[in-house]
C-alpha cells in the first residue's frame, strides 16, 4: 500500500533550488554553518544529510532529483521539504 503524498509535497519536490550565491558553508562535526554575506545571518545546519542535499541542489533539475541523488529515503522527504522551506525563508537557498 503506497502512502499518498502530503498536500503540496509534489509541487515542492518539483522545484528548482540552489544554494544562494552569497552563502558560504563551513563544514562542522554536527553538519555545517551557513553564513550569508548579504544579510549577515549565521544559520546552523544540524545534520550532515541536509548539508549534502543543500550542496547538491544546484546540480540537479529538481529537489526530488537532489534527494534521490543523496540517497534520502522517500519517507524522509516531507521533513526535508520542511527544513528546506525554512532555509529558503532564511535566504540560505533560493529558487533558480
N, C-alpha and C. Protein backbone atom coordinates (compact mmCIF):
# COMPACT_ATOMS: atom_id res chain seq x y z
N UNK A 1 0.84 -1.18 0.00
CA UNK A 1 0.00 0.00 0.00
C UNK A 1 0.89 1.24 0.00
N UNK A 2 0.70 2.13 -0.95
CA UNK A 2 1.50 3.35 -1.00
C UNK A 2 0.81 4.46 -0.22
N UNK A 3 1.61 5.35 0.29
CA UNK A 3 1.11 6.48 1.06
C UNK A 3 0.95 7.66 0.12
N UNK A 4 -0.20 8.33 0.20
CA UNK A 4 -0.43 9.50 -0.63
C UNK A 4 0.49 10.63 -0.18
N UNK A 5 1.07 11.38 -1.11
CA UNK A 5 1.94 12.48 -0.72
C UNK A 5 1.15 13.57 0.01
N UNK A 6 1.82 14.26 0.90
CA UNK A 6 1.19 15.37 1.63
C UNK A 6 0.83 16.46 0.64
N UNK A 7 -0.23 17.23 0.93
CA UNK A 7 -0.59 18.33 0.02
C UNK A 7 0.59 19.27 -0.16
N UNK A 8 0.88 19.60 -1.40
CA UNK A 8 1.98 20.50 -1.69
C UNK A 8 3.33 19.83 -1.81
N UNK A 9 3.43 18.57 -1.39
CA UNK A 9 4.72 17.88 -1.44
C UNK A 9 5.18 17.70 -2.88
N UNK A 10 4.28 17.30 -3.76
CA UNK A 10 4.65 17.09 -5.16
C UNK A 10 5.16 18.38 -5.79
N UNK A 11 4.50 19.50 -5.48
CA UNK A 11 4.94 20.79 -6.01
C UNK A 11 6.32 21.16 -5.47
N UNK A 12 6.53 20.91 -4.17
CA UNK A 12 7.82 21.23 -3.55
C UNK A 12 8.93 20.38 -4.16
N UNK A 13 8.65 19.12 -4.41
CA UNK A 13 9.67 18.22 -4.96
C UNK A 13 10.05 18.59 -6.39
N UNK A 14 9.17 19.28 -7.09
CA UNK A 14 9.43 19.69 -8.46
C UNK A 14 10.16 21.02 -8.58
N UNK A 15 10.40 21.67 -7.46
CA UNK A 15 11.06 22.99 -7.51
C UNK A 15 12.54 22.86 -7.85
N UNK A 16 13.05 23.92 -8.48
CA UNK A 16 14.47 24.01 -8.84
C UNK A 16 15.12 24.97 -7.85
N UNK A 17 15.96 24.44 -6.99
CA UNK A 17 16.57 25.24 -5.93
C UNK A 17 18.08 25.22 -6.04
N UNK A 18 18.73 26.15 -5.34
CA UNK A 18 20.19 26.20 -5.30
C UNK A 18 20.62 26.92 -4.04
N UNK A 19 21.86 26.70 -3.67
CA UNK A 19 22.46 27.45 -2.58
C UNK A 19 22.57 28.91 -3.03
N UNK A 20 22.18 29.82 -2.16
CA UNK A 20 22.25 31.24 -2.51
C UNK A 20 23.71 31.60 -2.78
N UNK A 21 23.99 32.36 -3.83
CA UNK A 21 25.38 32.67 -4.17
C UNK A 21 26.13 33.49 -3.11
N UNK A 22 25.40 34.14 -2.21
CA UNK A 22 26.04 34.92 -1.15
C UNK A 22 26.21 34.12 0.14
N UNK A 23 25.99 32.80 0.07
CA UNK A 23 26.10 31.95 1.25
C UNK A 23 27.33 31.07 1.14
N UNK A 24 28.06 31.01 2.24
CA UNK A 24 29.21 30.10 2.34
C UNK A 24 28.88 29.05 3.40
N UNK A 25 29.19 27.79 3.09
CA UNK A 25 29.01 26.70 4.04
C UNK A 25 30.36 26.33 4.64
N UNK A 26 30.40 26.21 5.95
CA UNK A 26 31.61 25.75 6.61
C UNK A 26 31.30 24.43 7.31
N UNK A 27 31.92 23.35 6.87
CA UNK A 27 31.67 22.05 7.50
C UNK A 27 32.01 22.07 8.99
N UNK A 28 31.18 21.39 9.75
CA UNK A 28 31.37 21.24 11.19
C UNK A 28 31.04 19.80 11.56
N UNK A 29 31.49 19.30 12.70
CA UNK A 29 31.17 17.92 13.10
C UNK A 29 29.66 17.63 13.16
N UNK A 30 28.86 18.64 13.50
CA UNK A 30 27.41 18.45 13.60
C UNK A 30 26.70 18.62 12.28
N UNK A 31 27.34 19.17 11.28
CA UNK A 31 26.72 19.46 9.99
C UNK A 31 27.47 20.58 9.30
N UNK A 32 26.96 21.83 9.43
CA UNK A 32 27.65 22.97 8.82
C UNK A 32 27.09 24.27 9.36
N UNK A 33 27.90 25.30 9.21
CA UNK A 33 27.45 26.67 9.44
C UNK A 33 27.25 27.30 8.07
N UNK A 34 26.14 28.00 7.92
CA UNK A 34 25.87 28.73 6.68
C UNK A 34 25.89 30.21 7.01
N UNK A 35 26.78 30.94 6.33
CA UNK A 35 26.86 32.38 6.57
C UNK A 35 26.45 33.11 5.30
N UNK A 36 25.49 34.02 5.44
CA UNK A 36 25.01 34.81 4.32
C UNK A 36 25.71 36.17 4.37
N UNK A 37 26.54 36.45 3.38
CA UNK A 37 27.31 37.68 3.36
C UNK A 37 26.45 38.92 3.12
N UNK A 38 25.27 38.74 2.53
CA UNK A 38 24.39 39.88 2.27
C UNK A 38 23.62 40.33 3.50
N UNK A 39 22.96 39.39 4.16
CA UNK A 39 22.14 39.76 5.32
C UNK A 39 22.83 39.46 6.65
N UNK A 40 24.06 38.92 6.59
CA UNK A 40 24.91 38.64 7.75
C UNK A 40 24.31 37.63 8.72
N UNK A 41 23.42 36.78 8.22
CA UNK A 41 22.84 35.73 9.07
C UNK A 41 23.76 34.54 9.13
N UNK A 42 23.80 33.94 10.31
CA UNK A 42 24.54 32.71 10.53
C UNK A 42 23.51 31.64 10.88
N UNK A 43 23.44 30.59 10.09
CA UNK A 43 22.45 29.52 10.26
C UNK A 43 23.19 28.22 10.53
N UNK A 44 22.69 27.45 11.49
CA UNK A 44 23.26 26.14 11.79
C UNK A 44 22.50 25.07 11.02
N UNK A 45 23.21 24.28 10.24
CA UNK A 45 22.63 23.11 9.59
C UNK A 45 23.07 21.93 10.45
N UNK A 46 22.14 21.35 11.18
CA UNK A 46 22.48 20.42 12.24
C UNK A 46 22.61 18.95 11.84
N UNK A 47 22.47 18.67 10.58
CA UNK A 47 22.59 17.28 10.13
C UNK A 47 23.39 17.24 8.82
N UNK A 48 24.29 16.31 8.75
CA UNK A 48 25.13 16.20 7.55
C UNK A 48 24.32 15.88 6.30
N UNK A 49 23.21 15.14 6.47
CA UNK A 49 22.42 14.78 5.30
C UNK A 49 21.74 16.01 4.68
N UNK A 50 21.30 16.97 5.49
CA UNK A 50 20.70 18.18 4.93
C UNK A 50 21.79 19.02 4.26
N UNK A 51 22.99 19.02 4.83
CA UNK A 51 24.11 19.75 4.22
C UNK A 51 24.39 19.17 2.84
N UNK A 52 24.43 17.86 2.74
CA UNK A 52 24.70 17.20 1.46
C UNK A 52 23.64 17.57 0.43
N UNK A 53 22.37 17.58 0.84
CA UNK A 53 21.29 17.95 -0.09
C UNK A 53 21.44 19.40 -0.53
N UNK A 54 21.70 20.30 0.41
CA UNK A 54 21.86 21.72 0.07
C UNK A 54 23.00 21.90 -0.92
N UNK A 55 24.10 21.19 -0.72
CA UNK A 55 25.23 21.29 -1.63
C UNK A 55 24.90 20.76 -3.02
N UNK A 56 24.00 19.81 -3.11
CA UNK A 56 23.66 19.18 -4.39
C UNK A 56 22.52 19.86 -5.14
N UNK A 57 21.79 20.75 -4.51
CA UNK A 57 20.59 21.34 -5.13
C UNK A 57 20.85 21.90 -6.53
N UNK A 58 21.90 22.65 -6.69
CA UNK A 58 22.18 23.29 -7.98
C UNK A 58 22.64 22.34 -9.06
N UNK A 59 22.96 21.11 -8.70
CA UNK A 59 23.46 20.13 -9.66
C UNK A 59 22.37 19.25 -10.25
N UNK A 60 21.14 19.43 -9.80
CA UNK A 60 20.04 18.57 -10.25
C UNK A 60 18.85 19.43 -10.68
N UNK A 61 18.03 18.86 -11.55
CA UNK A 61 16.90 19.61 -12.11
C UNK A 61 15.82 19.93 -11.10
N UNK A 62 15.63 19.06 -10.11
CA UNK A 62 14.55 19.27 -9.14
C UNK A 62 15.02 18.89 -7.74
N UNK A 63 14.25 19.30 -6.76
CA UNK A 63 14.53 18.89 -5.39
C UNK A 63 14.44 17.37 -5.27
N UNK A 64 13.46 16.77 -5.91
CA UNK A 64 13.34 15.32 -5.88
C UNK A 64 14.59 14.64 -6.41
N UNK A 65 15.14 15.15 -7.50
CA UNK A 65 16.36 14.57 -8.07
C UNK A 65 17.53 14.73 -7.10
N UNK A 66 17.58 15.84 -6.40
CA UNK A 66 18.65 16.05 -5.41
C UNK A 66 18.52 15.07 -4.26
N UNK A 67 17.31 14.89 -3.76
CA UNK A 67 17.08 13.95 -2.65
C UNK A 67 17.43 12.53 -3.07
N UNK A 68 17.05 12.18 -4.27
CA UNK A 68 17.35 10.84 -4.80
C UNK A 68 18.86 10.65 -4.94
N UNK A 69 19.54 11.64 -5.48
CA UNK A 69 20.99 11.56 -5.67
C UNK A 69 21.73 11.43 -4.33
N UNK A 70 21.15 12.00 -3.28
CA UNK A 70 21.77 11.94 -1.95
C UNK A 70 21.29 10.74 -1.14
N UNK A 71 20.57 9.83 -1.78
CA UNK A 71 20.08 8.61 -1.14
C UNK A 71 19.22 8.87 0.08
N UNK A 72 18.40 9.92 0.02
CA UNK A 72 17.45 10.20 1.10
C UNK A 72 16.21 9.34 0.85
N UNK A 73 15.82 8.57 1.84
CA UNK A 73 14.65 7.69 1.70
C UNK A 73 13.39 8.53 1.48
N UNK A 74 12.52 8.11 0.57
CA UNK A 74 11.30 8.88 0.29
C UNK A 74 10.43 9.17 1.52
N UNK A 75 10.45 8.29 2.52
CA UNK A 75 9.63 8.57 3.70
C UNK A 75 10.17 9.75 4.51
N UNK A 76 11.41 10.19 4.23
CA UNK A 76 12.00 11.34 4.90
C UNK A 76 11.82 12.64 4.12
N UNK A 77 11.35 12.56 2.88
CA UNK A 77 11.23 13.74 2.04
C UNK A 77 10.39 14.85 2.66
N UNK A 78 9.24 14.56 3.29
CA UNK A 78 8.46 15.67 3.88
C UNK A 78 9.25 16.48 4.91
N UNK A 79 10.06 15.82 5.73
CA UNK A 79 10.85 16.56 6.71
C UNK A 79 11.94 17.40 6.03
N UNK A 80 12.50 16.90 4.94
CA UNK A 80 13.49 17.67 4.20
C UNK A 80 12.85 18.88 3.54
N UNK A 81 11.65 18.70 2.99
CA UNK A 81 10.94 19.82 2.38
C UNK A 81 10.71 20.91 3.42
N UNK A 82 10.29 20.52 4.60
CA UNK A 82 10.04 21.50 5.68
C UNK A 82 11.33 22.22 6.05
N UNK A 83 12.43 21.48 6.21
CA UNK A 83 13.71 22.08 6.55
C UNK A 83 14.19 23.04 5.45
N UNK A 84 14.02 22.63 4.20
CA UNK A 84 14.47 23.46 3.09
C UNK A 84 13.61 24.71 2.94
N UNK A 85 12.32 24.61 3.28
CA UNK A 85 11.47 25.81 3.27
C UNK A 85 11.98 26.82 4.29
N UNK A 86 12.41 26.34 5.44
CA UNK A 86 12.98 27.21 6.46
C UNK A 86 14.28 27.85 5.96
N UNK A 87 15.11 27.06 5.30
CA UNK A 87 16.37 27.60 4.76
C UNK A 87 16.11 28.62 3.66
N UNK A 88 15.04 28.42 2.90
CA UNK A 88 14.70 29.39 1.86
C UNK A 88 14.23 30.70 2.50
N UNK A 89 13.45 30.62 3.56
CA UNK A 89 13.00 31.81 4.29
C UNK A 89 14.19 32.58 4.84
N UNK A 90 15.23 31.85 5.26
CA UNK A 90 16.45 32.48 5.79
C UNK A 90 17.42 32.91 4.70
N UNK A 91 17.04 32.70 3.44
CA UNK A 91 17.84 33.07 2.27
C UNK A 91 19.14 32.28 2.16
N UNK A 92 19.18 31.07 2.72
CA UNK A 92 20.32 30.19 2.55
C UNK A 92 20.25 29.53 1.17
N UNK A 93 19.05 29.17 0.76
CA UNK A 93 18.83 28.64 -0.58
C UNK A 93 17.81 29.52 -1.28
N UNK A 94 17.73 29.35 -2.58
CA UNK A 94 16.76 30.15 -3.36
C UNK A 94 16.31 29.34 -4.57
N UNK A 95 15.21 29.81 -5.15
CA UNK A 95 14.73 29.19 -6.40
C UNK A 95 15.60 29.69 -7.55
N UNK A 96 15.85 28.82 -8.50
CA UNK A 96 16.63 29.23 -9.68
C UNK A 96 15.77 29.15 -10.91
